[in-house]
Amino acid sequence: MPLFFKSLFWSYNFSNLDLDRDKKRVIINAVNFGKWKHWLWLIDFYGKNRIKKIIEETPETEFREPALKLISLLLGIKKLKYASRSDYIRSKKNTSGIR
């Protein structure tokens, strides 16, 4: 991943991020905290359809509202997955075996 992404991952070990394994986190952080150059890189690397699919499958509570509105307009996203933040966290704990 280009070094100009490092500032978007202040709470992660940047050198351990994998563009394939961590694509959802990369896309969410870039949409929420990135600038235009980050968005252009995402589209170039992952492609619009892949980004659109990941955003559509991610609860909208994962995104900052202004960023989500803009990326939805740019990518033609009409339907977003809704889940309250607490429901989303609970589902992640249940699928990882943590209770």
PDB file of N, CA and C in Angstrom:
ATOM      1  N   MET A   1       0.846  -1.165   0.000  1.00  0.00           N
ATOM      2  CA  MET A   1       0.000   0.000   0.000  1.00  0.00           C
ATOM      3  C   MET A   1       0.897   1.236   0.000  1.00  0.00           C
ATOM      4  N   PRO A   2       0.523   2.244  -0.741  1.00  0.00           N
ATOM      5  CA  PRO A   2       1.355   3.451  -0.775  1.00  0.00           C
ATOM      6  C   PRO A   2       1.499   4.089   0.606  1.00  0.00           C
ATOM      7  N   LEU A   3       2.653   4.670   0.853  1.00  0.00           N
ATOM      8  CA  LEU A   3       2.920   5.294   2.153  1.00  0.00           C
ATOM      9  C   LEU A   3       1.963   6.428   2.485  1.00  0.00           C
ATOM     10  N   PHE A   4       1.384   7.073   1.462  1.00  0.00           N
ATOM     11  CA  PHE A   4       0.480   8.183   1.771  1.00  0.00           C
ATOM     12  C   PHE A   4      -0.806   7.696   2.449  1.00  0.00           C
ATOM     13  N   PHE A   5      -1.005   6.400   2.563  1.00  0.00           N
ATOM     14  CA  PHE A   5      -2.135   5.834   3.296  1.00  0.00           C
ATOM     15  C   PHE A   5      -1.842   5.695   4.792  1.00  0.00           C
ATOM     16  N   LYS A   6      -0.579   5.774   5.169  1.00  0.00           N
ATOM     17  CA  LYS A   6      -0.187   5.489   6.550  1.00  0.00           C
ATOM     18  C   LYS A   6      -0.947   6.334   7.566  1.00  0.00           C
ATOM     19  N   SER A   7      -1.213   7.586   7.263  1.00  0.00           N
ATOM     20  CA  SER A   7      -1.915   8.463   8.204  1.00  0.00           C
ATOM     21  C   SER A   7      -3.362   8.031   8.442  1.00  0.00           C
ATOM     22  N   LEU A   8      -3.912   7.211   7.565  1.00  0.00           N
ATOM     23  CA  LEU A   8      -5.295   6.747   7.712  1.00  0.00           C
ATOM     24  C   LEU A   8      -5.392   5.544   8.648  1.00  0.00           C
ATOM     25  N   PHE A   9      -4.248   5.002   9.030  1.00  0.00           N
ATOM     26  CA  PHE A   9      -4.217   3.786   9.844  1.00  0.00           C
ATOM     27  C   PHE A   9      -3.406   3.996  11.115  1.00  0.00           C
ATOM     28  N   TRP A  10      -3.692   5.090  11.815  1.00  0.00           N
ATOM     29  CA  TRP A  10      -2.965   5.437  13.023  1.00  0.00           C
ATOM     30  C   TRP A  10      -3.108   4.389  14.122  1.00  0.00           C
ATOM     31  N   SER A  11      -4.202   3.625  14.114  1.00  0.00           N
ATOM     32  CA  SER A  11      -4.398   2.636  15.180  1.00  0.00           C
ATOM     33  C   SER A  11      -4.065   1.213  14.728  1.00  0.00           C
ATOM     34  N   TYR A  12      -3.400   1.084  13.604  1.00  0.00           N
ATOM     35  CA  TYR A  12      -3.034  -0.227  13.059  1.00  0.00           C
ATOM     36  C   TYR A  12      -1.534  -0.265  12.820  1.00  0.00           C
ATOM     37  N   ASN A  13      -0.993  -1.460  12.796  1.00  0.00           N
ATOM     38  CA  ASN A  13       0.393  -1.627  12.400  1.00  0.00           C
ATOM     39  C   ASN A  13       0.402  -1.609  10.872  1.00  0.00           C
ATOM     40  N   PHE A  14       0.745  -0.477  10.312  1.00  0.00           N
ATOM     41  CA  PHE A  14       0.652  -0.256   8.874  1.00  0.00           C
ATOM     42  C   PHE A  14       1.398  -1.315   8.067  1.00  0.00           C
ATOM     43  N   SER A  15       2.557  -1.709   8.528  1.00  0.00           N
ATOM     44  CA  SER A  15       3.367  -2.676   7.776  1.00  0.00           C
ATOM     45  C   SER A  15       2.739  -4.072   7.751  1.00  0.00           C
ATOM     46  N   ASN A  16       1.799  -4.338   8.664  1.00  0.00           N
ATOM     47  CA  ASN A  16       1.142  -5.646   8.693  1.00  0.00           C
ATOM     48  C   ASN A  16      -0.155  -5.702   7.889  1.00  0.00           C
ATOM     49  N   LEU A  17      -0.596  -4.571   7.376  1.00  0.00           N
ATOM     50  CA  LEU A  17      -1.830  -4.567   6.591  1.00  0.00           C
ATOM     51  C   LEU A  17      -1.608  -5.262   5.255  1.00  0.00           C
ATOM     52  N   ASP A  18      -2.554  -6.068   4.878  1.00  0.00           N
ATOM     53  CA  ASP A  18      -2.503  -6.793   3.609  1.00  0.00           C
ATOM     54  C   ASP A  18      -3.650  -6.288   2.733  1.00  0.00           C
ATOM     55  N   LEU A  19      -3.353  -5.875   1.516  1.00  0.00           N
ATOM     56  CA  LEU A  19      -4.361  -5.269   0.650  1.00  0.00           C
ATOM     57  C   LEU A  19      -5.501  -6.210   0.288  1.00  0.00           C
ATOM     58  N   ASP A  20      -5.250  -7.497   0.281  1.00  0.00           N
ATOM     59  CA  ASP A  20      -6.324  -8.440  -0.015  1.00  0.00           C
ATOM     60  C   ASP A  20      -7.059  -8.837   1.263  1.00  0.00           C
ATOM     61  N   ARG A  21      -6.333  -9.310   2.242  1.00  0.00           N
ATOM     62  CA  ARG A  21      -6.949  -9.756   3.490  1.00  0.00           C
ATOM     63  C   ARG A  21      -7.700  -8.622   4.188  1.00  0.00           C
ATOM     64  N   ASP A  22      -7.148  -7.416   4.180  1.00  0.00           N
ATOM     65  CA  ASP A  22      -7.704  -6.280   4.906  1.00  0.00           C
ATOM     66  C   ASP A  22      -8.428  -5.282   4.007  1.00  0.00           C
ATOM     67  N   LYS A  23      -8.886  -5.746   2.851  1.00  0.00           N
ATOM     68  CA  LYS A  23      -9.487  -4.817   1.882  1.00  0.00           C
ATOM     69  C   LYS A  23     -10.669  -4.042   2.453  1.00  0.00           C
ATOM     70  N   LYS A  24     -11.479  -4.701   3.265  1.00  0.00           N
ATOM     71  CA  LYS A  24     -12.638  -4.009   3.846  1.00  0.00           C
ATOM     72  C   LYS A  24     -12.175  -2.865   4.748  1.00  0.00           C
ATOM     73  N   ARG A  25     -11.198  -3.113   5.610  1.00  0.00           N
ATOM     74  CA  ARG A  25     -10.672  -2.076   6.494  1.00  0.00           C
ATOM     75  C   ARG A  25     -10.010  -0.966   5.697  1.00  0.00           C
ATOM     76  N   VAL A  26      -9.270  -1.320   4.661  1.00  0.00           N
ATOM     77  CA  VAL A  26      -8.605  -0.321   3.818  1.00  0.00           C
ATOM     78  C   VAL A  26      -9.654   0.586   3.179  1.00  0.00           C
ATOM     79  N   ILE A  27     -10.700  -0.002   2.640  1.00  0.00           N
ATOM     80  CA  ILE A  27     -11.744   0.775   1.967  1.00  0.00           C
ATOM     81  C   ILE A  27     -12.494   1.654   2.967  1.00  0.00           C
ATOM     82  N   ILE A  28     -12.877   1.098   4.108  1.00  0.00           N
ATOM     83  CA  ILE A  28     -13.616   1.879   5.109  1.00  0.00           C
ATOM     84  C   ILE A  28     -12.786   3.066   5.593  1.00  0.00           C
ATOM     85  N   ASN A  29     -11.529   2.826   5.941  1.00  0.00           N
ATOM     86  CA  ASN A  29     -10.688   3.924   6.427  1.00  0.00           C
ATOM     87  C   ASN A  29     -10.439   4.969   5.348  1.00  0.00           C
ATOM     88  N   ALA A  30     -10.216   4.530   4.128  1.00  0.00           N
ATOM     89  CA  ALA A  30      -9.972   5.485   3.047  1.00  0.00           C
ATOM     90  C   ALA A  30     -11.215   6.320   2.756  1.00  0.00           C
ATOM     91  N   VAL A  31     -12.377   5.696   2.771  1.00  0.00           N
ATOM     92  CA  VAL A  31     -13.625   6.444   2.537  1.00  0.00           C
ATOM     93  C   VAL A  31     -13.850   7.435   3.682  1.00  0.00           C
ATOM     94  N   ASN A  32     -13.679   6.991   4.900  1.00  0.00           N
ATOM     95  CA  ASN A  32     -13.962   7.847   6.054  1.00  0.00           C
ATOM     96  C   ASN A  32     -12.953   8.966   6.267  1.00  0.00           C
ATOM     97  N   PHE A  33     -11.678   8.685   6.080  1.00  0.00           N
ATOM     98  CA  PHE A  33     -10.645   9.640   6.472  1.00  0.00           C
ATOM     99  C   PHE A  33      -9.735  10.085   5.330  1.00  0.00           C
ATOM    100  N   GLY A  34      -9.901   9.469   4.165  1.00  0.00           N
ATOM    101  CA  GLY A  34      -9.016   9.765   3.050  1.00  0.00           C
ATOM    102  C   GLY A  34      -9.390  11.025   2.296  1.00  0.00           C
ATOM    103  N   LYS A  35      -8.491  11.385   1.431  1.00  0.00           N
ATOM    104  CA  LYS A  35      -8.694  12.512   0.525  1.00  0.00           C
ATOM    105  C   LYS A  35      -8.947  11.952  -0.864  1.00  0.00           C
ATOM    106  N   TRP A  36      -9.144  12.839  -1.786  1.00  0.00           N
ATOM    107  CA  TRP A  36      -9.453  12.434  -3.157  1.00  0.00           C
ATOM    108  C   TRP A  36      -8.398  11.473  -3.707  1.00  0.00           C
ATOM    109  N   LYS A  37      -7.129  11.731  -3.417  1.00  0.00           N
ATOM    110  CA  LYS A  37      -6.063  10.864  -3.941  1.00  0.00           C
ATOM    111  C   LYS A  37      -6.185   9.440  -3.403  1.00  0.00           C
ATOM    112  N   HIS A  38      -6.673   9.282  -2.175  1.00  0.00           N
ATOM    113  CA  HIS A  38      -6.885   7.949  -1.617  1.00  0.00           C
ATOM    114  C   HIS A  38      -8.026   7.242  -2.351  1.00  0.00           C
ATOM    115  N   TRP A  39      -9.080   7.980  -2.600  1.00  0.00           N
ATOM    116  CA  TRP A  39     -10.237   7.402  -3.298  1.00  0.00           C
ATOM    117  C   TRP A  39      -9.855   6.983  -4.711  1.00  0.00           C
ATOM    118  N   LEU A  40      -9.098   7.827  -5.389  1.00  0.00           N
ATOM    119  CA  LEU A  40      -8.663   7.481  -6.756  1.00  0.00           C
ATOM    120  C   LEU A  40      -7.796   6.226  -6.745  1.00  0.00           C
ATOM    121  N   TRP A  41      -6.906   6.117  -5.774  1.00  0.00           N
ATOM    122  CA  TRP A  41      -6.059   4.932  -5.684  1.00  0.00           C
ATOM    123  C   TRP A  41      -6.914   3.691  -5.433  1.00  0.00           C
ATOM    124  N   LEU A  42      -7.883   3.797  -4.522  1.00  0.00           N
ATOM    125  CA  LEU A  42      -8.787   2.669  -4.246  1.00  0.00           C
ATOM    126  C   LEU A  42      -9.475   2.190  -5.512  1.00  0.00           C
ATOM    127  N   ILE A  43     -10.044   3.122  -6.246  1.00  0.00           N
ATOM    128  CA  ILE A  43     -10.773   2.772  -7.467  1.00  0.00           C
ATOM    129  C   ILE A  43      -9.835   2.133  -8.481  1.00  0.00           C
ATOM    130  N   ASP A  44      -8.645   2.664  -8.593  1.00  0.00           N
ATOM    131  CA  ASP A  44      -7.671   2.109  -9.532  1.00  0.00           C
ATOM    132  C   ASP A  44      -7.237   0.709  -9.108  1.00  0.00           C
ATOM    133  N   PHE A  45      -7.032   0.490  -7.816  1.00  0.00           N
ATOM    134  CA  PHE A  45      -6.524  -0.786  -7.325  1.00  0.00           C
ATOM    135  C   PHE A  45      -7.615  -1.858  -7.229  1.00  0.00           C
ATOM    136  N   TYR A  46      -8.738  -1.526  -6.591  1.00  0.00           N
ATOM    137  CA  TYR A  46      -9.794  -2.516  -6.355  1.00  0.00           C
ATOM    138  C   TYR A  46     -10.877  -2.529  -7.438  1.00  0.00           C
ATOM    139  N   GLY A  47     -11.068  -1.409  -8.093  1.00  0.00           N
ATOM    140  CA  GLY A  47     -12.136  -1.305  -9.094  1.00  0.00           C
ATOM    141  C   GLY A  47     -13.446  -0.862  -8.449  1.00  0.00           C
ATOM    142  N   LYS A  48     -14.231  -0.121  -9.210  1.00  0.00           N
ATOM    143  CA  LYS A  48     -15.482   0.430  -8.690  1.00  0.00           C
ATOM    144  C   LYS A  48     -16.442  -0.653  -8.210  1.00  0.00           C
ATOM    145  N   ASN A  49     -16.596  -1.720  -8.974  1.00  0.00           N
ATOM    146  CA  ASN A  49     -17.574  -2.746  -8.620  1.00  0.00           C
ATOM    147  C   ASN A  49     -17.234  -3.445  -7.310  1.00  0.00           C
ATOM    148  N   ARG A  50     -15.962  -3.730  -7.114  1.00  0.00           N
ATOM    149  CA  ARG A  50     -15.540  -4.397  -5.872  1.00  0.00           C
ATOM    150  C   ARG A  50     -15.741  -3.478  -4.666  1.00  0.00           C
ATOM    151  N   ILE A  51     -15.396  -2.216  -4.813  1.00  0.00           N
ATOM    152  CA  ILE A  51     -15.580  -1.248  -3.730  1.00  0.00           C
ATOM    153  C   ILE A  51     -17.063  -1.088  -3.422  1.00  0.00           C
ATOM    154  N   LYS A  52     -17.849  -0.965  -4.472  1.00  0.00           N
ATOM    155  CA  LYS A  52     -19.295  -0.813  -4.312  1.00  0.00           C
ATOM    156  C   LYS A  52     -19.878  -1.999  -3.547  1.00  0.00           C
ATOM    157  N   LYS A  53     -19.483  -3.196  -3.900  1.00  0.00           N
ATOM    158  CA  LYS A  53     -19.990  -4.399  -3.241  1.00  0.00           C
ATOM    159  C   LYS A  53     -19.618  -4.412  -1.761  1.00  0.00           C
ATOM    160  N   ILE A  54     -18.379  -4.085  -1.460  1.00  0.00           N
ATOM    161  CA  ILE A  54     -17.935  -4.071  -0.062  1.00  0.00           C
ATOM    162  C   ILE A  54     -18.696  -3.023   0.733  1.00  0.00           C
ATOM    163  N   ILE A  55     -18.901  -1.842   0.166  1.00  0.00           N
ATOM    164  CA  ILE A  55     -19.640  -0.792   0.862  1.00  0.00           C
ATOM    165  C   ILE A  55     -21.092  -1.221   1.086  1.00  0.00           C
ATOM    166  N   GLU A  56     -21.691  -1.829   0.081  1.00  0.00           N
ATOM    167  CA  GLU A  56     -23.087  -2.272   0.201  1.00  0.00           C
ATOM    168  C   GLU A  56     -23.249  -3.362   1.256  1.00  0.00           C
ATOM    169  N   GLU A  57     -22.220  -4.155   1.480  1.00  0.00           N
ATOM    170  CA  GLU A  57     -22.282  -5.253   2.451  1.00  0.00           C
ATOM    171  C   GLU A  57     -21.854  -4.845   3.857  1.00  0.00           C
ATOM    172  N   THR A  58     -21.394  -3.619   3.994  1.00  0.00           N
ATOM    173  CA  THR A  58     -20.929  -3.116   5.283  1.00  0.00           C
ATOM    174  C   THR A  58     -22.023  -2.258   5.908  1.00  0.00           C
ATOM    175  N   PRO A  59     -22.294  -2.461   7.196  1.00  0.00           N
ATOM    176  CA  PRO A  59     -23.310  -1.614   7.839  1.00  0.00           C
ATOM    177  C   PRO A  59     -22.957  -0.137   7.696  1.00  0.00           C
ATOM    178  N   GLU A  60     -23.953   0.651   7.388  1.00  0.00           N
ATOM    179  CA  GLU A  60     -23.697   2.071   7.152  1.00  0.00           C
ATOM    180  C   GLU A  60     -23.140   2.779   8.379  1.00  0.00           C
ATOM    181  N   THR A  61     -23.326   2.196   9.552  1.00  0.00           N
ATOM    182  CA  THR A  61     -22.790   2.798  10.770  1.00  0.00           C
ATOM    183  C   THR A  61     -21.267   2.757  10.827  1.00  0.00           C
ATOM    184  N   GLU A  62     -20.635   2.009   9.932  1.00  0.00           N
ATOM    185  CA  GLU A  62     -19.167   1.964   9.859  1.00  0.00           C
ATOM    186  C   GLU A  62     -18.589   3.211   9.190  1.00  0.00           C
ATOM    187  N   PHE A  63     -19.447   3.997   8.548  1.00  0.00           N
ATOM    188  CA  PHE A  63     -18.984   5.134   7.750  1.00  0.00           C
ATOM    189  C   PHE A  63     -19.412   6.457   8.356  1.00  0.00           C
ATOM    190  N   ARG A  64     -18.594   7.460   8.135  1.00  0.00           N
ATOM    191  CA  ARG A  64     -18.987   8.824   8.460  1.00  0.00           C
ATOM    192  C   ARG A  64     -20.035   9.244   7.433  1.00  0.00           C
ATOM    193  N   GLU A  65     -21.104   9.852   7.906  1.00  0.00           N
ATOM    194  CA  GLU A  65     -22.239  10.151   7.033  1.00  0.00           C
ATOM    195  C   GLU A  65     -21.883  10.981   5.797  1.00  0.00           C
ATOM    196  N   PRO A  66     -21.146  12.086   5.911  1.00  0.00           N
ATOM    197  CA  PRO A  66     -20.838  12.868   4.711  1.00  0.00           C
ATOM    198  C   PRO A  66     -20.019  12.079   3.680  1.00  0.00           C
ATOM    199  N   ALA A  67     -19.073  11.286   4.168  1.00  0.00           N
ATOM    200  CA  ALA A  67     -18.237  10.488   3.255  1.00  0.00           C
ATOM    201  C   ALA A  67     -19.073   9.421   2.564  1.00  0.00           C
ATOM    202  N   LEU A  68     -19.964   8.791   3.313  1.00  0.00           N
ATOM    203  CA  LEU A  68     -20.815   7.753   2.745  1.00  0.00           C
ATOM    204  C   LEU A  68     -21.738   8.319   1.680  1.00  0.00           C
ATOM    205  N   LYS A  69     -22.291   9.490   1.930  1.00  0.00           N
ATOM    206  CA  LYS A  69     -23.174  10.123   0.934  1.00  0.00           C
ATOM    207  C   LYS A  69     -22.418  10.395  -0.364  1.00  0.00           C
ATOM    208  N   LEU A  70     -21.221  10.931  -0.240  1.00  0.00           N
ATOM    209  CA  LEU A  70     -20.442  11.263  -1.431  1.00  0.00           C
ATOM    210  C   LEU A  70     -20.023  10.010  -2.199  1.00  0.00           C
ATOM    211  N   ILE A  71     -19.488   9.016  -1.518  1.00  0.00           N
ATOM    212  CA  ILE A  71     -19.044   7.811  -2.218  1.00  0.00           C
ATOM    213  C   ILE A  71     -20.234   7.079  -2.832  1.00  0.00           C
ATOM    214  N   SER A  72     -21.387   7.136  -2.174  1.00  0.00           N
ATOM    215  CA  SER A  72     -22.592   6.508  -2.722  1.00  0.00           C
ATOM    216  C   SER A  72     -23.022   7.183  -4.014  1.00  0.00           C
ATOM    217  N   LEU A  73     -22.927   8.495  -4.050  1.00  0.00           N
ATOM    218  CA  LEU A  73     -23.245   9.222  -5.284  1.00  0.00           C
ATOM    219  C   LEU A  73     -22.256   8.883  -6.392  1.00  0.00           C
ATOM    220  N   LEU A  74     -20.982   8.870  -6.048  1.00  0.00           N
ATOM    221  CA  LEU A  74     -19.944   8.609  -7.048  1.00  0.00           C
ATOM    222  C   LEU A  74     -20.012   7.198  -7.624  1.00  0.00           C
ATOM    223  N   LEU A  75     -20.369   6.225  -6.784  1.00  0.00           N
ATOM    224  CA  LEU A  75     -20.385   4.828  -7.230  1.00  0.00           C
ATOM    225  C   LEU A  75     -21.782   4.322  -7.569  1.00  0.00           C
ATOM    226  N   GLY A  76     -22.794   5.171  -7.401  1.00  0.00           N
ATOM    227  CA  GLY A  76     -24.154   4.759  -7.723  1.00  0.00           C
ATOM    228  C   GLY A  76     -24.723   3.745  -6.750  1.00  0.00           C
ATOM    229  N   ILE A  77     -24.374   3.868  -5.488  1.00  0.00           N
ATOM    230  CA  ILE A  77     -24.880   2.952  -4.467  1.00  0.00           C
ATOM    231  C   ILE A  77     -26.248   3.452  -4.022  1.00  0.00           C
ATOM    232  N   LYS A  78     -27.246   2.610  -4.183  1.00  0.00           N
ATOM    233  CA  LYS A  78     -28.605   3.003  -3.842  1.00  0.00           C
ATOM    234  C   LYS A  78     -29.088   2.377  -2.536  1.00  0.00           C
ATOM    235  N   LYS A  79     -28.592   1.194  -2.218  1.00  0.00           N
ATOM    236  CA  LYS A  79     -29.065   0.494  -1.031  1.00  0.00           C
ATOM    237  C   LYS A  79     -27.873   0.167  -0.138  1.00  0.00           C
ATOM    238  N   LEU A  80     -28.006   0.548   1.115  1.00  0.00           N
ATOM    239  CA  LEU A  80     -26.963   0.271   2.088  1.00  0.00           C
ATOM    240  C   LEU A  80     -27.493  -0.681   3.140  1.00  0.00           C
ATOM    241  N   LYS A  81     -26.602  -1.438   3.703  1.00  0.00           N
ATOM    242  CA  LYS A  81     -26.977  -2.373   4.759  1.00  0.00           C
ATOM    243  C   LYS A  81     -27.133  -1.583   6.052  1.00  0.00           C
ATOM    244  N   TYR A  82     -28.274  -1.751   6.695  1.00  0.00           N
ATOM    245  CA  TYR A  82     -28.469  -1.068   7.972  1.00  0.00           C
ATOM    246  C   TYR A  82     -28.373  -2.072   9.104  1.00  0.00           C
ATOM    247  N   ALA A  83     -27.604  -1.704  10.072  1.00  0.00           N
ATOM    248  CA  ALA A  83     -27.539  -2.464  11.325  1.00  0.00           C
ATOM    249  C   ALA A  83     -27.083  -1.479  12.372  1.00  0.00           C
ATOM    250  N   SER A  84     -27.693  -1.552  13.529  1.00  0.00           N
ATOM    251  CA  SER A  84     -27.216  -0.679  14.596  1.00  0.00           C
ATOM    252  C   SER A  84     -25.795  -1.107  14.944  1.00  0.00           C
ATOM    253  N   ARG A  85     -25.026  -0.207  15.439  1.00  0.00           N
ATOM    254  CA  ARG A  85     -23.630  -0.499  15.771  1.00  0.00           C
ATOM    255  C   ARG A  85     -23.552  -1.664  16.771  1.00  0.00           C
ATOM    256  N   SER A  86     -24.455  -1.669  17.766  1.00  0.00           N
ATOM    257  CA  SER A  86     -24.410  -2.745  18.768  1.00  0.00           C
ATOM    258  C   SER A  86     -24.771  -4.099  18.152  1.00  0.00           C
ATOM    259  N   ASP A  87     -25.717  -4.126  17.199  1.00  0.00           N
ATOM    260  CA  ASP A  87     -26.046  -5.382  16.516  1.00  0.00           C
ATOM    261  C   ASP A  87     -24.858  -5.881  15.716  1.00  0.00           C
ATOM    262  N   TYR A  88     -24.175  -4.968  15.058  1.00  0.00           N
ATOM    263  CA  TYR A  88     -23.013  -5.331  14.248  1.00  0.00           C
ATOM    264  C   TYR A  88     -21.905  -5.904  15.130  1.00  0.00           C
ATOM    265  N   ILE A  89     -21.622  -5.253  16.241  1.00  0.00           N
ATOM    266  CA  ILE A  89     -20.570  -5.729  17.150  1.00  0.00           C
ATOM    267  C   ILE A  89     -20.943  -7.094  17.711  1.00  0.00           C
ATOM    268  N   ARG A  90     -22.211  -7.257  18.105  1.00  0.00           N
ATOM    269  CA  ARG A  90     -22.669  -8.545  18.624  1.00  0.00           C
ATOM    270  C   ARG A  90     -22.498  -9.644  17.587  1.00  0.00           C
ATOM    271  N   SER A  91     -22.833  -9.359  16.334  1.00  0.00           N
ATOM    272  CA  SER A  91     -22.717 -10.386  15.289  1.00  0.00           C
ATOM    273  C   SER A  91     -21.268 -10.779  15.070  1.00  0.00           C
ATOM    274  N   LYS A  92     -20.342  -9.834  15.177  1.00  0.00           N
ATOM    275  CA  LYS A  92     -18.921 -10.132  15.010  1.00  0.00           C
ATOM    276  C   LYS A  92     -18.426 -11.009  16.154  1.00  0.00           C
ATOM    277  N   LYS A  93     -18.889 -10.747  17.358  1.00  0.00           N
ATOM    278  CA  LYS A  93     -18.471 -11.558  18.499  1.00  0.00           C
ATOM    279  C   LYS A  93     -19.008 -12.980  18.369  1.00  0.00           C
ATOM    280  N   ASN A  94     -20.239 -13.118  17.903  1.00  0.00           N
ATOM    281  CA  ASN A  94     -20.844 -14.442  17.767  1.00  0.00           C
ATOM    282  C   ASN A  94     -20.176 -15.268  16.674  1.00  0.00           C
ATOM    283  N   THR A  95     -19.745 -14.635  15.593  1.00  0.00           N
ATOM    284  CA  THR A  95     -19.114 -15.400  14.521  1.00  0.00           C
ATOM    285  C   THR A  95     -17.667 -15.738  14.823  1.00  0.00           C
ATOM    286  N   SER A  96     -17.074 -15.018  15.747  1.00  0.00           N
ATOM    287  CA  SER A  96     -15.675 -15.322  16.090  1.00  0.00           C
ATOM    288  C   SER A  96     -15.560 -16.263  17.268  1.00  0.00           C
ATOM    289  N   GLY A  97     -16.705 -16.721  17.792  1.00  0.00           N
ATOM    290  CA  GLY A  97     -16.672 -17.664  18.896  1.00  0.00           C
ATOM    291  C   GLY A  97     -16.587 -17.024  20.265  1.00  0.00           C
ATOM    292  N   ILE A  98     -16.541 -15.690  20.315  1.00  0.00           N
ATOM    293  CA  ILE A  98     -16.491 -14.974  21.576  1.00  0.00           C
ATOM    294  C   ILE A  98     -17.920 -14.727  22.040  1.00  0.00           C
ATOM    295  N   ARG A  99     -18.175 -15.002  23.266  1.00  0.00           N
ATOM    296  CA  ARG A  99     -19.542 -14.794  23.794  1.00  0.00           C
ATOM    297  C   ARG A  99     -19.494 -13.913  25.016  1.00  0.00           C
TER     298      ARG A  99
END
